[in-house]
N, C-alpha and C. Protein backbone atom coordinates (compact mmCIF):
# COMPACT_ATOMS: atom_id res chain seq x y z
N MET A 1 -149.66 252.68 -35.50
CA MET A 1 -149.24 251.47 -36.18
C MET A 1 -147.73 251.32 -36.04
N GLY A 2 -147.29 250.15 -35.63
CA GLY A 2 -145.87 249.89 -35.43
C GLY A 2 -145.11 249.74 -36.73
N LYS A 3 -143.81 249.93 -36.63
CA LYS A 3 -142.95 249.76 -37.82
C LYS A 3 -142.85 248.30 -38.18
N ARG A 4 -142.73 248.06 -39.44
CA ARG A 4 -142.57 246.69 -39.92
C ARG A 4 -141.14 246.23 -39.66
N GLU A 5 -140.97 244.96 -39.34
CA GLU A 5 -139.63 244.37 -39.19
C GLU A 5 -139.37 243.42 -40.34
N TYR A 6 -138.14 243.41 -40.78
CA TYR A 6 -137.71 242.50 -41.84
C TYR A 6 -136.69 241.54 -41.24
N TYR A 7 -136.70 240.31 -41.69
CA TYR A 7 -135.85 239.28 -41.10
C TYR A 7 -134.86 238.74 -42.12
N HIS A 8 -133.69 238.45 -41.63
CA HIS A 8 -132.65 237.87 -42.49
C HIS A 8 -132.01 236.69 -41.75
N TYR A 9 -132.05 235.53 -42.36
CA TYR A 9 -131.45 234.33 -41.79
C TYR A 9 -130.18 234.01 -42.56
N VAL A 10 -129.16 233.56 -41.85
CA VAL A 10 -127.92 233.15 -42.50
C VAL A 10 -127.53 231.77 -41.98
N LYS A 11 -126.83 231.02 -42.82
CA LYS A 11 -126.34 229.70 -42.44
C LYS A 11 -124.82 229.75 -42.42
N CYS A 12 -124.21 229.11 -41.45
CA CYS A 12 -122.75 229.08 -41.36
C CYS A 12 -122.18 228.52 -42.66
N SER A 13 -121.16 229.21 -43.18
CA SER A 13 -120.57 228.80 -44.46
C SER A 13 -119.53 227.70 -44.32
N HIS A 14 -119.27 227.27 -43.09
CA HIS A 14 -118.32 226.18 -42.88
C HIS A 14 -118.97 224.87 -43.34
N ASP A 15 -118.20 224.04 -44.01
CA ASP A 15 -118.73 222.77 -44.52
C ASP A 15 -119.41 221.96 -43.42
N GLU A 16 -120.58 221.44 -43.73
CA GLU A 16 -121.36 220.55 -42.88
C GLU A 16 -121.88 221.16 -41.59
N CYS A 17 -121.69 222.45 -41.35
CA CYS A 17 -122.20 223.10 -40.14
C CYS A 17 -123.67 223.46 -40.36
N LYS A 18 -124.48 223.27 -39.34
CA LYS A 18 -125.90 223.54 -39.45
C LYS A 18 -126.33 224.76 -38.63
N GLU A 19 -125.38 225.49 -38.03
CA GLU A 19 -125.71 226.67 -37.23
C GLU A 19 -126.27 227.78 -38.11
N THR A 20 -127.21 228.55 -37.55
CA THR A 20 -127.81 229.65 -38.28
C THR A 20 -127.77 230.92 -37.44
N GLY A 21 -127.87 232.05 -38.11
CA GLY A 21 -127.96 233.34 -37.45
C GLY A 21 -129.24 234.03 -37.88
N PHE A 22 -129.68 234.96 -37.08
CA PHE A 22 -130.95 235.64 -37.31
C PHE A 22 -130.75 237.13 -37.07
N TYR A 23 -131.12 237.95 -38.03
CA TYR A 23 -131.00 239.40 -37.91
C TYR A 23 -132.36 240.03 -38.18
N THR A 24 -132.63 241.16 -37.52
CA THR A 24 -133.84 241.92 -37.81
C THR A 24 -133.44 243.29 -38.32
N ALA A 25 -134.26 243.83 -39.19
CA ALA A 25 -134.03 245.16 -39.74
C ALA A 25 -135.35 245.92 -39.71
N THR A 26 -135.26 247.24 -39.67
CA THR A 26 -136.47 248.06 -39.61
C THR A 26 -136.81 248.67 -40.97
N SER A 27 -135.97 248.43 -41.98
CA SER A 27 -136.27 248.93 -43.33
C SER A 27 -135.67 247.97 -44.34
N ARG A 28 -136.14 248.05 -45.57
CA ARG A 28 -135.58 247.21 -46.63
C ARG A 28 -134.13 247.58 -46.90
N ARG A 29 -133.82 248.85 -46.77
CA ARG A 29 -132.44 249.30 -46.99
C ARG A 29 -131.51 248.66 -45.96
N GLU A 30 -131.92 248.69 -44.69
CA GLU A 30 -131.12 248.07 -43.63
C GLU A 30 -131.00 246.56 -43.86
N LEU A 31 -132.10 245.94 -44.29
CA LEU A 31 -132.08 244.51 -44.60
C LEU A 31 -131.06 244.20 -45.69
N SER A 32 -131.03 245.03 -46.72
CA SER A 32 -130.08 244.85 -47.81
C SER A 32 -128.63 245.00 -47.31
N GLU A 33 -128.40 245.97 -46.43
CA GLU A 33 -127.05 246.17 -45.86
C GLU A 33 -126.63 244.96 -45.04
N ILE A 34 -127.55 244.44 -44.25
CA ILE A 34 -127.26 243.25 -43.43
C ILE A 34 -126.93 242.06 -44.33
N ALA A 35 -127.71 241.88 -45.37
CA ALA A 35 -127.49 240.76 -46.29
C ALA A 35 -126.14 240.89 -46.98
N ASN A 36 -125.77 242.09 -47.39
CA ASN A 36 -124.47 242.30 -48.05
C ASN A 36 -123.30 242.08 -47.09
N ARG A 37 -123.47 242.47 -45.84
CA ARG A 37 -122.42 242.28 -44.83
C ARG A 37 -122.21 240.82 -44.49
N ASN A 38 -123.26 240.03 -44.61
CA ASN A 38 -123.22 238.64 -44.16
C ASN A 38 -123.28 237.63 -45.30
N ARG A 39 -122.70 237.97 -46.44
CA ARG A 39 -122.70 237.04 -47.57
C ARG A 39 -121.98 235.74 -47.20
N VAL A 40 -120.85 235.85 -46.51
CA VAL A 40 -120.12 234.68 -46.02
C VAL A 40 -120.09 234.80 -44.51
N TRP A 41 -121.01 234.11 -43.86
CA TRP A 41 -121.17 234.20 -42.41
C TRP A 41 -120.70 232.90 -41.77
N LYS A 42 -120.00 233.01 -40.66
CA LYS A 42 -119.59 231.83 -39.90
C LYS A 42 -120.04 231.99 -38.46
N CYS A 43 -120.47 230.90 -37.88
CA CYS A 43 -120.92 230.90 -36.49
C CYS A 43 -119.72 231.01 -35.55
N VAL A 44 -120.00 231.18 -34.27
CA VAL A 44 -118.95 231.33 -33.26
C VAL A 44 -118.04 230.09 -33.21
N ARG A 45 -118.61 228.90 -33.44
CA ARG A 45 -117.78 227.69 -33.45
C ARG A 45 -116.64 227.80 -34.46
N HIS A 46 -116.87 228.55 -35.53
CA HIS A 46 -115.88 228.63 -36.60
C HIS A 46 -115.16 229.98 -36.67
N THR A 47 -115.59 230.98 -35.92
CA THR A 47 -114.87 232.25 -35.87
C THR A 47 -114.05 232.38 -34.60
N ALA A 48 -114.49 231.74 -33.50
CA ALA A 48 -113.77 231.80 -32.23
C ALA A 48 -113.87 230.45 -31.52
N PRO A 49 -113.34 229.39 -32.14
CA PRO A 49 -113.49 228.05 -31.56
C PRO A 49 -112.85 227.91 -30.19
N ASN A 50 -111.83 228.70 -29.89
CA ASN A 50 -111.17 228.61 -28.59
C ASN A 50 -112.05 229.16 -27.46
N GLU A 51 -113.15 229.83 -27.79
CA GLU A 51 -114.06 230.36 -26.78
C GLU A 51 -115.26 229.46 -26.51
N VAL A 52 -115.42 228.41 -27.31
CA VAL A 52 -116.58 227.53 -27.18
C VAL A 52 -116.25 226.38 -26.22
N LEU A 53 -117.10 226.22 -25.20
CA LEU A 53 -116.91 225.12 -24.25
C LEU A 53 -117.25 223.79 -24.92
N SER A 54 -116.52 222.75 -24.54
CA SER A 54 -116.78 221.41 -25.05
C SER A 54 -116.25 220.42 -24.02
N GLU A 55 -116.55 219.15 -24.21
CA GLU A 55 -116.01 218.14 -23.29
C GLU A 55 -114.49 218.08 -23.38
N GLU A 56 -113.94 218.40 -24.56
CA GLU A 56 -112.49 218.40 -24.73
C GLU A 56 -111.85 219.66 -24.16
N SER A 57 -112.62 220.73 -24.04
CA SER A 57 -112.12 222.00 -23.53
C SER A 57 -113.16 222.57 -22.55
N PRO A 58 -113.24 221.96 -21.34
CA PRO A 58 -114.33 222.30 -20.42
C PRO A 58 -114.11 223.53 -19.53
N ASN A 59 -112.93 224.13 -19.57
CA ASN A 59 -112.64 225.27 -18.69
C ASN A 59 -112.21 226.48 -19.49
N LYS A 60 -112.69 227.64 -19.09
CA LYS A 60 -112.28 228.91 -19.70
C LYS A 60 -112.03 229.90 -18.58
N ARG A 61 -111.04 230.74 -18.78
CA ARG A 61 -110.71 231.78 -17.79
C ARG A 61 -110.28 233.02 -18.55
N ILE A 62 -110.94 234.14 -18.25
CA ILE A 62 -110.51 235.40 -18.84
C ILE A 62 -110.29 236.40 -17.72
N VAL A 63 -109.38 237.32 -17.96
CA VAL A 63 -109.09 238.37 -16.98
C VAL A 63 -109.31 239.70 -17.68
N LEU A 64 -110.17 240.52 -17.10
CA LEU A 64 -110.41 241.87 -17.60
C LEU A 64 -109.85 242.84 -16.57
N THR A 65 -109.27 243.92 -17.04
CA THR A 65 -108.66 244.92 -16.16
C THR A 65 -109.26 246.29 -16.46
N VAL A 66 -109.52 247.06 -15.41
CA VAL A 66 -110.03 248.41 -15.60
C VAL A 66 -108.90 249.30 -16.10
N ILE A 67 -109.16 249.95 -17.24
CA ILE A 67 -108.20 250.88 -17.86
C ILE A 67 -108.93 252.20 -18.11
N GLU A 68 -108.23 253.31 -17.88
CA GLU A 68 -108.82 254.62 -18.17
C GLU A 68 -108.47 255.05 -19.58
N SER A 69 -109.46 255.54 -20.30
CA SER A 69 -109.26 256.05 -21.65
C SER A 69 -110.24 257.19 -21.85
N ASN A 70 -109.75 258.33 -22.32
CA ASN A 70 -110.61 259.51 -22.54
C ASN A 70 -111.42 259.86 -21.30
N GLU A 71 -110.76 259.80 -20.14
CA GLU A 71 -111.36 260.16 -18.85
C GLU A 71 -112.50 259.25 -18.41
N HIS A 72 -112.60 258.05 -19.01
CA HIS A 72 -113.62 257.08 -18.62
C HIS A 72 -112.94 255.73 -18.38
N ASN A 73 -113.54 254.92 -17.51
CA ASN A 73 -113.01 253.59 -17.25
C ASN A 73 -113.68 252.55 -18.15
N TYR A 74 -112.86 251.63 -18.64
CA TYR A 74 -113.33 250.55 -19.51
C TYR A 74 -112.69 249.25 -19.05
N TRP A 75 -113.31 248.15 -19.41
CA TRP A 75 -112.71 246.83 -19.20
C TRP A 75 -111.85 246.52 -20.41
N ALA A 76 -110.65 246.03 -20.17
CA ALA A 76 -109.75 245.63 -21.26
C ALA A 76 -109.37 244.17 -21.06
N ASN A 77 -109.22 243.45 -22.17
CA ASN A 77 -108.81 242.04 -22.06
C ASN A 77 -107.30 241.95 -21.82
N GLU A 78 -106.79 240.74 -21.74
CA GLU A 78 -105.38 240.54 -21.42
C GLU A 78 -104.44 241.08 -22.50
N ASP A 79 -104.95 241.26 -23.72
CA ASP A 79 -104.15 241.84 -24.80
C ASP A 79 -104.18 243.36 -24.77
N GLY A 80 -104.95 243.93 -23.84
CA GLY A 80 -105.05 245.38 -23.74
C GLY A 80 -106.13 245.98 -24.62
N LYS A 81 -106.87 245.15 -25.34
CA LYS A 81 -107.93 245.65 -26.21
C LYS A 81 -109.10 246.14 -25.36
N LEU A 82 -109.46 247.41 -25.58
CA LEU A 82 -110.56 247.99 -24.81
C LEU A 82 -111.89 247.37 -25.18
N GLY A 83 -112.68 247.15 -24.17
CA GLY A 83 -114.03 246.66 -24.40
C GLY A 83 -115.01 247.71 -23.91
N SER A 84 -116.08 247.26 -23.35
CA SER A 84 -117.13 248.13 -22.86
C SER A 84 -116.81 248.59 -21.44
N GLY A 85 -117.56 249.56 -20.97
CA GLY A 85 -117.46 249.98 -19.58
C GLY A 85 -118.37 249.15 -18.69
N PHE A 86 -119.09 248.22 -19.29
CA PHE A 86 -120.02 247.37 -18.55
C PHE A 86 -119.91 245.96 -19.09
N VAL A 87 -119.71 245.00 -18.21
CA VAL A 87 -119.69 243.59 -18.62
C VAL A 87 -120.69 242.83 -17.76
N TYR A 88 -121.23 241.78 -18.32
CA TYR A 88 -122.20 240.98 -17.58
C TYR A 88 -122.21 239.56 -18.09
N GLY A 89 -122.71 238.70 -17.28
CA GLY A 89 -122.88 237.30 -17.63
C GLY A 89 -123.89 236.71 -16.67
N SER A 90 -124.07 235.44 -16.74
CA SER A 90 -125.02 234.77 -15.86
C SER A 90 -124.55 234.90 -14.41
N GLY A 91 -125.23 235.72 -13.63
CA GLY A 91 -124.91 235.85 -12.22
C GLY A 91 -124.04 237.04 -11.85
N TYR A 92 -123.61 237.85 -12.79
CA TYR A 92 -122.81 239.03 -12.43
C TYR A 92 -122.99 240.16 -13.43
N LYS A 93 -122.76 241.37 -12.92
CA LYS A 93 -122.75 242.59 -13.73
C LYS A 93 -121.68 243.49 -13.11
N ALA A 94 -120.88 244.16 -13.93
CA ALA A 94 -119.81 245.01 -13.37
C ALA A 94 -119.58 246.24 -14.25
N TYR A 95 -119.72 247.41 -13.64
CA TYR A 95 -119.41 248.67 -14.29
C TYR A 95 -117.96 249.01 -13.99
N ALA A 96 -117.16 249.27 -15.01
CA ALA A 96 -115.76 249.63 -14.81
C ALA A 96 -115.64 250.93 -14.01
N SER A 97 -116.60 251.83 -14.17
CA SER A 97 -116.56 253.11 -13.47
C SER A 97 -116.70 252.96 -11.94
N ASP A 98 -117.15 251.80 -11.48
CA ASP A 98 -117.29 251.55 -10.04
C ASP A 98 -115.97 251.15 -9.39
N PHE A 99 -114.90 250.97 -10.19
CA PHE A 99 -113.64 250.44 -9.66
C PHE A 99 -112.46 251.31 -10.06
N HIS A 100 -111.38 251.18 -9.30
CA HIS A 100 -110.15 251.91 -9.58
C HIS A 100 -109.42 251.28 -10.76
N VAL A 101 -108.66 252.10 -11.49
CA VAL A 101 -107.84 251.61 -12.59
C VAL A 101 -106.92 250.53 -12.05
N GLY A 102 -106.80 249.45 -12.79
CA GLY A 102 -105.96 248.32 -12.37
C GLY A 102 -106.73 247.19 -11.73
N THR A 103 -107.99 247.44 -11.36
CA THR A 103 -108.82 246.38 -10.78
C THR A 103 -109.01 245.28 -11.81
N LYS A 104 -108.92 244.04 -11.37
CA LYS A 104 -109.07 242.89 -12.28
C LYS A 104 -110.37 242.15 -11.99
N LEU A 105 -111.00 241.72 -13.05
CA LEU A 105 -112.19 240.87 -12.97
C LEU A 105 -111.81 239.55 -13.61
N VAL A 106 -111.81 238.48 -12.82
CA VAL A 106 -111.45 237.16 -13.33
C VAL A 106 -112.74 236.36 -13.48
N ILE A 107 -113.00 235.93 -14.71
CA ILE A 107 -114.21 235.16 -15.01
C ILE A 107 -113.77 233.75 -15.37
N THR A 108 -114.25 232.79 -14.60
CA THR A 108 -113.88 231.39 -14.80
C THR A 108 -115.15 230.58 -14.99
N VAL A 109 -115.15 229.74 -16.00
CA VAL A 109 -116.28 228.83 -16.21
C VAL A 109 -115.75 227.41 -16.28
N GLU A 110 -116.57 226.49 -15.81
CA GLU A 110 -116.20 225.08 -15.85
C GLU A 110 -117.41 224.28 -16.27
N LEU A 111 -117.23 223.47 -17.28
CA LEU A 111 -118.28 222.59 -17.76
C LEU A 111 -118.10 221.24 -17.06
N ILE A 112 -119.17 220.74 -16.47
CA ILE A 112 -119.13 219.43 -15.82
C ILE A 112 -120.06 218.52 -16.58
N PRO A 113 -119.51 217.73 -17.53
CA PRO A 113 -120.35 216.86 -18.36
C PRO A 113 -121.04 215.78 -17.54
N ALA A 114 -122.21 215.37 -18.00
CA ALA A 114 -122.92 214.26 -17.37
C ALA A 114 -122.12 212.98 -17.62
N GLN A 115 -122.18 212.07 -16.68
CA GLN A 115 -121.52 210.78 -16.85
C GLN A 115 -122.24 210.01 -17.93
N LYS A 116 -121.50 209.43 -18.85
CA LYS A 116 -122.12 208.72 -19.98
C LYS A 116 -122.92 207.50 -19.53
N ASN A 117 -122.53 206.87 -18.42
CA ASN A 117 -123.26 205.70 -17.93
C ASN A 117 -124.43 206.11 -17.03
N ASN A 118 -124.57 207.40 -16.76
CA ASN A 118 -125.65 207.89 -15.90
C ASN A 118 -126.37 209.03 -16.61
N MET A 119 -126.94 208.75 -17.78
CA MET A 119 -127.55 209.78 -18.60
C MET A 119 -129.04 209.97 -18.32
N GLU A 120 -129.53 209.49 -17.17
CA GLU A 120 -130.94 209.69 -16.84
C GLU A 120 -131.20 211.17 -16.63
N ALA A 121 -132.38 211.61 -16.98
CA ALA A 121 -132.74 213.01 -16.80
C ALA A 121 -132.78 213.34 -15.32
N VAL A 122 -132.18 214.43 -14.96
CA VAL A 122 -132.20 214.90 -13.58
C VAL A 122 -133.18 216.05 -13.52
N GLU A 123 -134.14 215.95 -12.61
CA GLU A 123 -135.15 216.99 -12.52
C GLU A 123 -134.60 218.17 -11.75
N HIS A 124 -134.74 219.34 -12.33
CA HIS A 124 -134.29 220.57 -11.70
C HIS A 124 -135.36 221.02 -10.71
N PRO A 125 -134.96 221.51 -9.51
CA PRO A 125 -135.96 221.93 -8.51
C PRO A 125 -136.96 222.94 -9.05
N ALA A 126 -136.55 223.81 -9.96
CA ALA A 126 -137.46 224.84 -10.49
C ALA A 126 -138.56 224.25 -11.35
N THR A 127 -138.37 223.04 -11.86
CA THR A 127 -139.38 222.45 -12.73
C THR A 127 -140.63 222.07 -11.95
N ASN A 128 -140.48 221.85 -10.66
CA ASN A 128 -141.63 221.49 -9.84
C ASN A 128 -142.15 222.68 -9.04
N ALA A 129 -141.69 223.87 -9.35
CA ALA A 129 -142.13 225.06 -8.63
C ALA A 129 -143.64 225.18 -8.70
N GLY A 130 -144.25 225.36 -7.55
CA GLY A 130 -145.70 225.55 -7.52
C GLY A 130 -146.49 224.26 -7.50
N SER A 131 -145.84 223.11 -7.57
CA SER A 131 -146.61 221.87 -7.54
C SER A 131 -147.03 221.56 -6.10
N GLN A 132 -148.11 220.85 -5.96
CA GLN A 132 -148.61 220.53 -4.64
C GLN A 132 -148.22 219.10 -4.30
N PRO A 133 -147.97 218.84 -3.01
CA PRO A 133 -147.61 217.47 -2.59
C PRO A 133 -148.68 216.48 -3.04
N GLY A 134 -148.25 215.37 -3.55
CA GLY A 134 -149.14 214.30 -3.96
C GLY A 134 -149.71 214.50 -5.36
N LYS A 135 -149.43 215.63 -6.01
CA LYS A 135 -149.93 215.89 -7.36
C LYS A 135 -148.75 216.05 -8.30
N LYS A 136 -148.91 215.60 -9.52
CA LYS A 136 -147.87 215.75 -10.54
C LYS A 136 -148.37 216.58 -11.68
């Protein structure tokens, strides 16, 4: 028999925000700890607004550098704050241990908003995967 899971939902405490968070716990004690930690919870829009893409801020660029600490390589941000030894995103994965100290990883994203006068749905090629000619 599997362990029971307990769920905890939180709502962003910023006025008029409708974002929610979802946590799982494996015991009532852990659930209580999660609830106490998140009494005043804010979503990413309100804790790190400079990291959220928008039409007003469509480009983001971060630079991570391999730094050695305690005989292991880690990725560090531009402020020198150590992160993980492994970073990933849509389309890439990078282990810091695979590179020499000083190697830089530049991650750039660009949001290309749809034209407001051309808001027709564009069909993605993957949506028709497996369809046969002449059939919908």
